[in-house]
Amino acid sequence: MSMTKIIGILLIVAGVLGLIYGGFSYTKETHSAKLGPLAISVQERETVLVPVIASVGAIVLGVFLIVAGRNK
């Protein structure tokens, strides 16, 4: 399997996941304080939204790479 096909498949999978989930969230630690034996930390949940056009573009590009790799 050529590298072009692998990248095409990965782009299609990423695009489909972007359409299904619409984004992803992660937690990051922003502040922490330690007062003797007491430790305090603040965690914030960040959300990254994936635009629909980016997901569709990834799918289209992935299909194009697979088709272009097949024609060689």
C-alpha atoms as a PDB file:
ATOM      1  CA  MET A   1       0.000   0.000   0.000  1.00  0.00           C
ATOM      2  CA  SER A   2       1.444   3.351  -1.006  1.00  0.00           C
ATOM      3  CA  MET A   3       1.912   6.292   1.317  1.00  0.00           C
ATOM      4  CA  THR A   4      -0.597   8.324  -0.730  1.00  0.00           C
ATOM      5  CA  LYS A   5      -3.348   5.785  -0.057  1.00  0.00           C
ATOM      6  CA  ILE A   6      -2.538   5.667   3.658  1.00  0.00           C
ATOM      7  CA  ILE A   7      -2.712   9.464   3.937  1.00  0.00           C
ATOM      8  CA  GLY A   8      -5.955   9.451   1.938  1.00  0.00           C
ATOM      9  CA  ILE A   9      -7.530   6.882   4.265  1.00  0.00           C
ATOM     10  CA  LEU A  10      -6.403   8.821   7.354  1.00  0.00           C
ATOM     11  CA  LEU A  11      -7.900  12.037   5.939  1.00  0.00           C
ATOM     12  CA  ILE A  12     -11.210  10.308   5.229  1.00  0.00           C
ATOM     13  CA  VAL A  13     -11.339   8.853   8.746  1.00  0.00           C
ATOM     14  CA  ALA A  14     -10.465  12.225  10.301  1.00  0.00           C
ATOM     15  CA  GLY A  15     -13.115  13.964   8.193  1.00  0.00           C
ATOM     16  CA  VAL A  16     -15.822  11.452   9.129  1.00  0.00           C
ATOM     17  CA  LEU A  17     -14.914  11.745  12.821  1.00  0.00           C
ATOM     18  CA  GLY A  18     -15.034  15.532  12.499  1.00  0.00           C
ATOM     19  CA  LEU A  19     -18.536  15.329  11.023  1.00  0.00           C
ATOM     20  CA  ILE A  20     -19.753  12.867  13.666  1.00  0.00           C
ATOM     21  CA  TYR A  21     -18.321  14.546  16.771  1.00  0.00           C
ATOM     22  CA  GLY A  22     -17.981  18.165  15.610  1.00  0.00           C
ATOM     23  CA  GLY A  23     -14.950  18.751  17.818  1.00  0.00           C
ATOM     24  CA  PHE A  24     -13.099  17.518  20.856  1.00  0.00           C
ATOM     25  CA  SER A  25     -12.489  18.578  24.450  1.00  0.00           C
ATOM     26  CA  TYR A  26      -9.483  18.378  26.705  1.00  0.00           C
ATOM     27  CA  THR A  27      -8.651  19.434  30.249  1.00  0.00           C
ATOM     28  CA  LYS A  28      -5.712  21.655  31.083  1.00  0.00           C
ATOM     29  CA  GLU A  29      -4.384  22.686  34.454  1.00  0.00           C
ATOM     30  CA  THR A  30      -4.170  26.455  34.681  1.00  0.00           C
ATOM     31  CA  HIS A  31      -3.367  27.379  38.293  1.00  0.00           C
ATOM     32  CA  SER A  32      -1.882  25.491  41.165  1.00  0.00           C
ATOM     33  CA  ALA A  33      -0.880  26.457  44.668  1.00  0.00           C
ATOM     34  CA  LYS A  34       0.796  24.505  47.414  1.00  0.00           C
ATOM     35  CA  LEU A  35       0.409  25.665  50.993  1.00  0.00           C
ATOM     36  CA  GLY A  36       2.281  23.230  53.187  1.00  0.00           C
ATOM     37  CA  PRO A  37       0.546  19.848  52.949  1.00  0.00           C
ATOM     38  CA  LEU A  38      -2.451  21.382  51.110  1.00  0.00           C
ATOM     39  CA  ALA A  39      -2.334  21.483  47.302  1.00  0.00           C
ATOM     40  CA  ILE A  40      -4.908  23.348  45.229  1.00  0.00           C
ATOM     41  CA  SER A  41      -5.193  23.169  41.461  1.00  0.00           C
ATOM     42  CA  VAL A  42      -7.668  24.575  38.964  1.00  0.00           C
ATOM     43  CA  GLN A  43      -8.455  22.674  35.789  1.00  0.00           C
ATOM     44  CA  GLU A  44     -10.235  24.175  32.817  1.00  0.00           C
ATOM     45  CA  ARG A  45     -12.014  22.206  30.135  1.00  0.00           C
ATOM     46  CA  GLU A  46     -11.212  23.493  26.655  1.00  0.00           C
ATOM     47  CA  THR A  47     -13.311  22.642  23.594  1.00  0.00           C
ATOM     48  CA  VAL A  48     -12.019  22.770  20.026  1.00  0.00           C
ATOM     49  CA  LEU A  49     -14.742  22.869  17.376  1.00  0.00           C
ATOM     50  CA  VAL A  50     -13.974  21.395  13.960  1.00  0.00           C
ATOM     51  CA  PRO A  51     -15.725  23.315  11.178  1.00  0.00           C
ATOM     52  CA  VAL A  52     -17.935  21.235   8.869  1.00  0.00           C
ATOM     53  CA  ILE A  53     -16.143  22.603   5.815  1.00  0.00           C
ATOM     54  CA  ALA A  54     -12.808  21.326   7.169  1.00  0.00           C
ATOM     55  CA  SER A  55     -14.271  17.850   7.695  1.00  0.00           C
ATOM     56  CA  VAL A  56     -15.794  17.754   4.213  1.00  0.00           C
ATOM     57  CA  GLY A  57     -12.550  19.093   2.742  1.00  0.00           C
ATOM     58  CA  ALA A  58     -10.559  16.332   4.442  1.00  0.00           C
ATOM     59  CA  ILE A  59     -12.919  13.693   3.036  1.00  0.00           C
ATOM     60  CA  VAL A  60     -12.736  15.139  -0.486  1.00  0.00           C
ATOM     61  CA  LEU A  61      -8.939  15.398  -0.343  1.00  0.00           C
ATOM     62  CA  GLY A  62      -8.680  11.848   0.982  1.00  0.00           C
ATOM     63  CA  VAL A  63     -10.837  10.484  -1.841  1.00  0.00           C
ATOM     64  CA  PHE A  64      -8.796  12.481  -4.359  1.00  0.00           C
ATOM     65  CA  LEU A  65      -5.516  11.031  -3.020  1.00  0.00           C
ATOM     66  CA  ILE A  66      -6.859   7.477  -3.176  1.00  0.00           C
ATOM     67  CA  VAL A  67      -8.163   7.917  -6.731  1.00  0.00           C
ATOM     68  CA  ALA A  68      -4.986   9.676  -7.872  1.00  0.00           C
ATOM     69  CA  GLY A  69      -2.874   6.897  -6.334  1.00  0.00           C
ATOM     70  CA  ARG A  70      -4.911   4.269  -8.163  1.00  0.00           C
ATOM     71  CA  ASN A  71      -4.373   5.903 -11.572  1.00  0.00           C
ATOM     72  CA  LYS A  72      -0.568   5.736 -11.396  1.00  0.00           C
END
